PDB file of N, CA and C in Angstrom:
ATOM      1  N   MET A   1     -10.244  13.146  -8.849  1.00  0.00           N
ATOM      2  CA  MET A   1      -8.974  13.317  -8.176  1.00  0.00           C
ATOM      3  C   MET A   1      -7.946  12.352  -8.766  1.00  0.00           C
ATOM      4  N   LEU A   2      -6.742  12.820  -8.961  1.00  0.00           N
ATOM      5  CA  LEU A   2      -5.656  11.976  -9.447  1.00  0.00           C
ATOM      6  C   LEU A   2      -4.673  11.730  -8.326  1.00  0.00           C
ATOM      7  N   LEU A   3      -4.250  10.479  -8.187  1.00  0.00           N
ATOM      8  CA  LEU A   3      -3.247  10.159  -7.185  1.00  0.00           C
ATOM      9  C   LEU A   3      -1.857  10.475  -7.733  1.00  0.00           C
ATOM     10  N   ASP A   4      -0.958  10.874  -6.850  1.00  0.00           N
ATOM     11  CA  ASP A   4       0.424  11.098  -7.236  1.00  0.00           C
ATOM     12  C   ASP A   4       1.196   9.788  -7.270  1.00  0.00           C
ATOM     13  N   TYR A   5       0.516   8.677  -7.094  1.00  0.00           N
ATOM     14  CA  TYR A   5       1.149   7.367  -7.031  1.00  0.00           C
ATOM     15  C   TYR A   5       0.567   6.464  -8.116  1.00  0.00           C
ATOM     16  N   CYS A   6       1.364   5.522  -8.552  1.00  0.00           N
ATOM     17  CA  CYS A   6       0.904   4.542  -9.524  1.00  0.00           C
ATOM     18  C   CYS A   6       0.480   3.288  -8.766  1.00  0.00           C
ATOM     19  N   PRO A   7      -0.815   3.026  -8.636  1.00  0.00           N
ATOM     20  CA  PRO A   7      -1.262   1.886  -7.820  1.00  0.00           C
ATOM     21  C   PRO A   7      -0.871   0.555  -8.446  1.00  0.00           C
ATOM     22  N   ASP A   8      -0.487  -0.368  -7.584  1.00  0.00           N
ATOM     23  CA  ASP A   8      -0.116  -1.707  -8.021  1.00  0.00           C
ATOM     24  C   ASP A   8      -1.171  -2.722  -7.597  1.00  0.00           C
ATOM     25  N   CYS A   9      -1.638  -2.608  -6.366  1.00  0.00           N
ATOM     26  CA  CYS A   9      -2.629  -3.538  -5.832  1.00  0.00           C
ATOM     27  C   CYS A   9      -3.658  -2.733  -5.037  1.00  0.00           C
ATOM     28  N   ILE A  10      -4.923  -3.071  -5.208  1.00  0.00           N
ATOM     29  CA  ILE A  10      -6.013  -2.329  -4.560  1.00  0.00           C
ATOM     30  C   ILE A  10      -6.949  -3.326  -3.881  1.00  0.00           C
ATOM     31  N   SER A  11      -7.380  -2.987  -2.663  1.00  0.00           N
ATOM     32  CA  SER A  11      -8.332  -3.834  -1.954  1.00  0.00           C
ATOM     33  C   SER A  11      -9.321  -2.957  -1.199  1.00  0.00           C
ATOM     34  N   ILE A  12     -10.587  -3.320  -1.248  1.00  0.00           N
ATOM     35  CA  ILE A  12     -11.628  -2.585  -0.533  1.00  0.00           C
ATOM     36  C   ILE A  12     -11.758  -3.183   0.862  1.00  0.00           C
ATOM     37  N   ILE A  13     -11.633  -2.333   1.894  1.00  0.00           N
ATOM     38  CA  ILE A  13     -11.783  -2.792   3.270  1.00  0.00           C
ATOM     39  C   ILE A  13     -13.260  -2.843   3.649  1.00  0.00           C
ATOM     40  N   ASP A  14     -13.944  -1.740   3.426  1.00  0.00           N
ATOM     41  CA  ASP A  14     -15.372  -1.640   3.707  1.00  0.00           C
ATOM     42  C   ASP A  14     -15.941  -0.568   2.790  1.00  0.00           C
ATOM     43  N   GLU A  15     -17.180  -0.166   3.025  1.00  0.00           N
ATOM     44  CA  GLU A  15     -17.814   0.814   2.137  1.00  0.00           C
ATOM     45  C   GLU A  15     -17.169   2.196   2.204  1.00  0.00           C
ATOM     46  N   ASN A  16     -16.282   2.427   3.181  1.00  0.00           N
ATOM     47  CA  ASN A  16     -15.677   3.745   3.354  1.00  0.00           C
ATOM     48  C   ASN A  16     -14.170   3.794   3.158  1.00  0.00           C
ATOM     49  N   HIS A  17     -13.495   2.645   2.992  1.00  0.00           N
ATOM     50  CA  HIS A  17     -12.036   2.646   2.952  1.00  0.00           C
ATOM     51  C   HIS A  17     -11.472   1.688   1.905  1.00  0.00           C
ATOM     52  N   ILE A  18     -10.398   2.133   1.280  1.00  0.00           N
ATOM     53  CA  ILE A  18      -9.696   1.360   0.259  1.00  0.00           C
ATOM     54  C   ILE A  18      -8.213   1.364   0.608  1.00  0.00           C
ATOM     55  N   ILE A  19      -7.548   0.231   0.412  1.00  0.00           N
ATOM     56  CA  ILE A  19      -6.100   0.139   0.594  1.00  0.00           C
ATOM     57  C   ILE A  19      -5.461   0.053  -0.793  1.00  0.00           C
ATOM     58  N   VAL A  20      -4.416   0.842  -1.007  1.00  0.00           N
ATOM     59  CA  VAL A  20      -3.681   0.833  -2.268  1.00  0.00           C
ATOM     60  C   VAL A  20      -2.206   0.676  -1.955  1.00  0.00           C
ATOM     61  N   SER A  21      -1.529  -0.205  -2.681  1.00  0.00           N
ATOM     62  CA  SER A  21      -0.083  -0.332  -2.536  1.00  0.00           C
ATOM     63  C   SER A  21       0.581   0.009  -3.861  1.00  0.00           C
ATOM     64  N   THR A  22       1.851   0.443  -3.773  1.00  0.00           N
ATOM     65  CA  THR A  22       2.593   0.784  -4.981  1.00  0.00           C
ATOM     66  C   THR A  22       3.935   0.067  -5.000  1.00  0.00           C
ATOM     67  N   TYR A  23       4.467  -0.050  -6.182  1.00  0.00           N
ATOM     68  CA  TYR A  23       5.784  -0.638  -6.405  1.00  0.00           C
ATOM     69  C   TYR A  23       6.402   0.171  -7.530  1.00  0.00           C
ATOM     70  N   ASP A  24       7.395   0.984  -7.215  1.00  0.00           N
ATOM     71  CA  ASP A  24       8.029   1.838  -8.208  1.00  0.00           C
ATOM     72  C   ASP A  24       9.492   1.460  -8.364  1.00  0.00           C
ATOM     73  N   PHE A  25       9.894   1.166  -9.595  1.00  0.00           N
ATOM     74  CA  PHE A  25      11.257   0.803  -9.919  1.00  0.00           C
ATOM     75  C   PHE A  25      12.102   2.065 -10.028  1.00  0.00           C
ATOM     76  N   VAL A  26      13.120   2.193  -9.169  1.00  0.00           N
ATOM     77  CA  VAL A  26      14.035   3.327  -9.236  1.00  0.00           C
ATOM     78  C   VAL A  26      15.281   2.900 -10.010  1.00  0.00           C
ATOM     79  N   ASN A  27      15.901   1.816  -9.591  1.00  0.00           N
ATOM     80  CA  ASN A  27      17.017   1.198 -10.308  1.00  0.00           C
ATOM     81  C   ASN A  27      17.126  -0.253  -9.850  1.00  0.00           C
ATOM     82  N   ASP A  28      18.182  -0.960 -10.293  1.00  0.00           N
ATOM     83  CA  ASP A  28      18.303  -2.386  -9.950  1.00  0.00           C
ATOM     84  C   ASP A  28      18.382  -2.648  -8.456  1.00  0.00           C
ATOM     85  N   GLU A  29      18.829  -1.671  -7.692  1.00  0.00           N
ATOM     86  CA  GLU A  29      19.006  -1.862  -6.256  1.00  0.00           C
ATOM     87  C   GLU A  29      17.969  -1.143  -5.401  1.00  0.00           C
ATOM     88  N   THR A  30      17.076  -0.413  -6.031  1.00  0.00           N
ATOM     89  CA  THR A  30      16.098   0.366  -5.264  1.00  0.00           C
ATOM     90  C   THR A  30      14.714   0.303  -5.908  1.00  0.00           C
ATOM     91  N   LYS A  31      13.780  -0.143  -5.116  1.00  0.00           N
ATOM     92  CA  LYS A  31      12.364  -0.093  -5.486  1.00  0.00           C
ATOM     93  C   LYS A  31      11.632   0.526  -4.310  1.00  0.00           C
ATOM     94  N   THR A  32      10.827   1.523  -4.563  1.00  0.00           N
ATOM     95  CA  THR A  32      10.124   2.198  -3.481  1.00  0.00           C
ATOM     96  C   THR A  32       8.641   1.835  -3.520  1.00  0.00           C
ATOM     97  N   GLY A  33       7.990   2.065  -2.409  1.00  0.00           N
ATOM     98  CA  GLY A  33       6.565   1.784  -2.350  1.00  0.00           C
ATOM     99  C   GLY A  33       5.872   2.617  -1.300  1.00  0.00           C
ATOM    100  N   VAL A  34       4.572   2.636  -1.399  1.00  0.00           N
ATOM    101  CA  VAL A  34       3.729   3.357  -0.451  1.00  0.00           C
ATOM    102  C   VAL A  34       2.487   2.507  -0.206  1.00  0.00           C
ATOM    103  N   LEU A  35       2.059   2.450   1.028  1.00  0.00           N
ATOM    104  CA  LEU A  35       0.779   1.839   1.376  1.00  0.00           C
ATOM    105  C   LEU A  35      -0.151   2.985   1.745  1.00  0.00           C
ATOM    106  N   LEU A  36      -1.265   3.097   1.035  1.00  0.00           N
ATOM    107  CA  LEU A  36      -2.197   4.203   1.238  1.00  0.00           C
ATOM    108  C   LEU A  36      -3.534   3.686   1.759  1.00  0.00           C
ATOM    109  N   LEU A  37      -4.085   4.386   2.731  1.00  0.00           N
ATOM    110  CA  LEU A  37      -5.452   4.170   3.167  1.00  0.00           C
ATOM    111  C   LEU A  37      -6.255   5.341   2.621  1.00  0.00           C
ATOM    112  N   LEU A  38      -7.235   5.052   1.774  1.00  0.00           N
ATOM    113  CA  LEU A  38      -8.049   6.097   1.152  1.00  0.00           C
ATOM    114  C   LEU A  38      -9.476   6.003   1.656  1.00  0.00           C
ATOM    115  N   ASN A  39     -10.160   7.151   1.713  1.00  0.00           N
ATOM    116  CA  ASN A  39     -11.588   7.111   2.033  1.00  0.00           C
ATOM    117  C   ASN A  39     -12.375   6.935   0.739  1.00  0.00           C
ATOM    118  N   ASN A  40     -13.691   6.911   0.824  1.00  0.00           N
ATOM    119  CA  ASN A  40     -14.507   6.656  -0.365  1.00  0.00           C
ATOM    120  C   ASN A  40     -14.490   7.802  -1.370  1.00  0.00           C
ATOM    121  N   ASN A  41     -13.913   8.960  -1.003  1.00  0.00           N
ATOM    122  CA  ASN A  41     -13.733  10.068  -1.939  1.00  0.00           C
ATOM    123  C   ASN A  41     -12.329  10.061  -2.533  1.00  0.00           C
ATOM    124  N   LEU A  42     -11.560   9.002  -2.261  1.00  0.00           N
ATOM    125  CA  LEU A  42     -10.173   8.825  -2.704  1.00  0.00           C
ATOM    126  C   LEU A  42      -9.208   9.844  -2.113  1.00  0.00           C
ATOM    127  N   ASN A  43      -9.547  10.383  -0.948  1.00  0.00           N
ATOM    128  CA  ASN A  43      -8.616  11.231  -0.211  1.00  0.00           C
ATOM    129  C   ASN A  43      -7.743  10.353   0.670  1.00  0.00           C
ATOM    130  N   ILE A  44      -6.486  10.710   0.795  1.00  0.00           N
ATOM    131  CA  ILE A  44      -5.557   9.926   1.600  1.00  0.00           C
ATOM    132  C   ILE A  44      -5.835  10.158   3.079  1.00  0.00           C
ATOM    133  N   VAL A  45      -6.126   9.071   3.782  1.00  0.00           N
ATOM    134  CA  VAL A  45      -6.381   9.111   5.223  1.00  0.00           C
ATOM    135  C   VAL A  45      -5.087   8.847   5.982  1.00  0.00           C
ATOM    136  N   ASP A  46      -4.290   7.900   5.480  1.00  0.00           N
ATOM    137  CA  ASP A  46      -3.010   7.562   6.115  1.00  0.00           C
ATOM    138  C   ASP A  46      -2.071   7.031   5.045  1.00  0.00           C
ATOM    139  N   LYS A  47      -0.758   7.149   5.307  1.00  0.00           N
ATOM    140  CA  LYS A  47       0.238   6.759   4.318  1.00  0.00           C
ATOM    141  C   LYS A  47       1.442   6.170   5.021  1.00  0.00           C
ATOM    142  N   LEU A  48       1.989   5.088   4.472  1.00  0.00           N
ATOM    143  CA  LEU A  48       3.195   4.452   4.993  1.00  0.00           C
ATOM    144  C   LEU A  48       4.185   4.309   3.848  1.00  0.00           C
ATOM    145  N   ASP A  49       5.326   5.010   3.938  1.00  0.00           N
ATOM    146  CA  ASP A  49       6.388   4.880   2.950  1.00  0.00           C
ATOM    147  C   ASP A  49       7.238   3.665   3.298  1.00  0.00           C
ATOM    148  N   CYS A  50       7.578   2.863   2.305  1.00  0.00           N
ATOM    149  CA  CYS A  50       8.388   1.669   2.546  1.00  0.00           C
ATOM    150  C   CYS A  50       9.052   1.250   1.238  1.00  0.00           C
ATOM    151  N   ASP A  51       9.691   0.095   1.257  1.00  0.00           N
ATOM    152  CA  ASP A  51      10.238  -0.467   0.030  1.00  0.00           C
ATOM    153  C   ASP A  51       9.081  -0.913  -0.859  1.00  0.00           C
ATOM    154  N   GLY A  52       9.379  -1.200  -2.118  1.00  0.00           N
ATOM    155  CA  GLY A  52       8.343  -1.633  -3.048  1.00  0.00           C
ATOM    156  C   GLY A  52       7.536  -2.800  -2.495  1.00  0.00           C
ATOM    157  N   ILE A  53       6.230  -2.696  -2.555  1.00  0.00           N
ATOM    158  CA  ILE A  53       5.336  -3.701  -1.979  1.00  0.00           C
ATOM    159  C   ILE A  53       4.963  -4.714  -3.064  1.00  0.00           C
ATOM    160  N   LEU A  54       5.295  -5.969  -2.818  1.00  0.00           N
ATOM    161  CA  LEU A  54       4.956  -7.027  -3.762  1.00  0.00           C
ATOM    162  C   LEU A  54       3.527  -7.515  -3.574  1.00  0.00           C
ATOM    163  N   HIS A  55       3.099  -7.608  -2.318  1.00  0.00           N
ATOM    164  CA  HIS A  55       1.769  -8.146  -2.035  1.00  0.00           C
ATOM    165  C   HIS A  55       1.352  -7.748  -0.626  1.00  0.00           C
ATOM    166  N   PHE A  56       0.052  -7.600  -0.413  1.00  0.00           N
ATOM    167  CA  PHE A  56      -0.449  -7.402   0.947  1.00  0.00           C
ATOM    168  C   PHE A  56      -1.724  -8.211   1.140  1.00  0.00           C
ATOM    169  N   LYS A  57      -2.007  -8.489   2.400  1.00  0.00           N
ATOM    170  CA  LYS A  57      -3.196  -9.261   2.772  1.00  0.00           C
ATOM    171  C   LYS A  57      -3.830  -8.587   3.976  1.00  0.00           C
ATOM    172  N   ILE A  58      -5.134  -8.413   3.966  1.00  0.00           N
ATOM    173  CA  ILE A  58      -5.860  -7.817   5.078  1.00  0.00           C
ATOM    174  C   ILE A  58      -6.452  -8.936   5.926  1.00  0.00           C
ATOM    175  N   ILE A  59      -6.098  -8.935   7.204  1.00  0.00           N
ATOM    176  CA  ILE A  59      -6.624  -9.929   8.149  1.00  0.00           C
ATOM    177  C   ILE A  59      -7.124  -9.179   9.367  1.00  0.00           C
ATOM    178  N   ASN A  60      -8.440  -9.237   9.584  1.00  0.00           N
ATOM    179  CA  ASN A  60      -9.094  -8.492  10.661  1.00  0.00           C
ATOM    180  C   ASN A  60      -8.740  -7.017  10.534  1.00  0.00           C
ATOM    181  N   ASN A  61      -8.136  -6.393  11.521  1.00  0.00           N
ATOM    182  CA  ASN A  61      -7.779  -4.972  11.451  1.00  0.00           C
ATOM    183  C   ASN A  61      -6.298  -4.765  11.167  1.00  0.00           C
ATOM    184  N   TYR A  62      -5.657  -5.738  10.531  1.00  0.00           N
ATOM    185  CA  TYR A  62      -4.231  -5.657  10.248  1.00  0.00           C
ATOM    186  C   TYR A  62      -3.963  -5.893   8.765  1.00  0.00           C
ATOM    187  N   ILE A  63      -2.888  -5.291   8.294  1.00  0.00           N
ATOM    188  CA  ILE A  63      -2.413  -5.516   6.938  1.00  0.00           C
ATOM    189  C   ILE A  63      -1.020  -6.119   7.049  1.00  0.00           C
ATOM    190  N   SER A  64      -0.836  -7.276   6.456  1.00  0.00           N
ATOM    191  CA  SER A  64       0.490  -7.876   6.355  1.00  0.00           C
ATOM    192  C   SER A  64       0.959  -7.664   4.928  1.00  0.00           C
ATOM    193  N   LEU A  65       2.180  -7.183   4.783  1.00  0.00           N
ATOM    194  CA  LEU A  65       2.693  -6.928   3.448  1.00  0.00           C
ATOM    195  C   LEU A  65       4.120  -7.441   3.331  1.00  0.00           C
ATOM    196  N   CYS A  66       4.510  -7.784   2.113  1.00  0.00           N
ATOM    197  CA  CYS A  66       5.895  -8.186   1.878  1.00  0.00           C
ATOM    198  C   CYS A  66       6.493  -7.241   0.843  1.00  0.00           C
ATOM    199  N   THR A  67       7.761  -6.914   1.053  1.00  0.00           N
ATOM    200  CA  THR A  67       8.462  -5.980   0.175  1.00  0.00           C
ATOM    201  C   THR A  67       9.388  -6.742  -0.760  1.00  0.00           C
ATOM    202  N   TRP A  68       9.901  -6.063  -1.739  1.00  0.00           N
ATOM    203  CA  TRP A  68      10.794  -6.681  -2.714  1.00  0.00           C
ATOM    204  C   TRP A  68      12.088  -7.156  -2.072  1.00  0.00           C
ATOM    205  N   LYS A  69      12.436  -6.630  -0.887  1.00  0.00           N
ATOM    206  CA  LYS A  69      13.631  -7.056  -0.176  1.00  0.00           C
ATOM    207  C   LYS A  69      13.402  -8.330   0.635  1.00  0.00           C
ATOM    208  N   GLY A  70      12.153  -8.782   0.716  1.00  0.00           N
ATOM    209  CA  GLY A  70      11.833  -9.981   1.472  1.00  0.00           C
ATOM    210  C   GLY A  70      11.381  -9.693   2.888  1.00  0.00           C
ATOM    211  N   ASP A  71      11.253  -8.413   3.236  1.00  0.00           N
ATOM    212  CA  ASP A  71      10.758  -8.047   4.575  1.00  0.00           C
ATOM    213  C   ASP A  71       9.251  -8.249   4.642  1.00  0.00           C
ATOM    214  N   VAL A  72       8.770  -8.641   5.797  1.00  0.00           N
ATOM    215  CA  VAL A  72       7.329  -8.758   6.048  1.00  0.00           C
ATOM    216  C   VAL A  72       6.963  -7.769   7.141  1.00  0.00           C
ATOM    217  N   TRP A  73       5.997  -6.929   6.868  1.00  0.00           N
ATOM    218  CA  TRP A  73       5.536  -5.924   7.804  1.00  0.00           C
ATOM    219  C   TRP A  73       4.088  -6.237   8.162  1.00  0.00           C
ATOM    220  N   THR A  74       3.719  -5.935   9.395  1.00  0.00           N
ATOM    221  CA  THR A  74       2.319  -5.989   9.799  1.00  0.00           C
ATOM    222  C   THR A  74       1.967  -4.651  10.432  1.00  0.00           C
ATOM    223  N   VAL A  75       0.915  -4.028   9.907  1.00  0.00           N
ATOM    224  CA  VAL A  75       0.498  -2.719  10.411  1.00  0.00           C
ATOM    225  C   VAL A  75      -0.985  -2.774  10.737  1.00  0.00           C
ATOM    226  N   GLU A  76      -1.372  -2.006  11.730  1.00  0.00           N
ATOM    227  CA  GLU A  76      -2.778  -1.929  12.120  1.00  0.00           C
ATOM    228  C   GLU A  76      -3.482  -0.899  11.255  1.00  0.00           C
ATOM    229  N   ILE A  77      -4.675  -1.233  10.837  1.00  0.00           N
ATOM    230  CA  ILE A  77      -5.461  -0.288  10.007  1.00  0.00           C
ATOM    231  C   ILE A  77      -5.966   0.823  10.876  1.00  0.00           C
TER     232      ILE A  77
END
């Protein structure tokens, strides 16, 4: 399977789930991103569209991420 996204950062949550973030340069003022939850077959389980994601950290059942705009988001897995 091929993803329609260019992965930037990948982290394994457990034996059944993977988190992937993207950072796509559109122009000097716009960078887009997606946070993907994938199953072990690389099918998309959940998706969050946002600004370009610079980094994310998994803590317990939450993902904290920061965007290129300096925003910090926390989402539940």
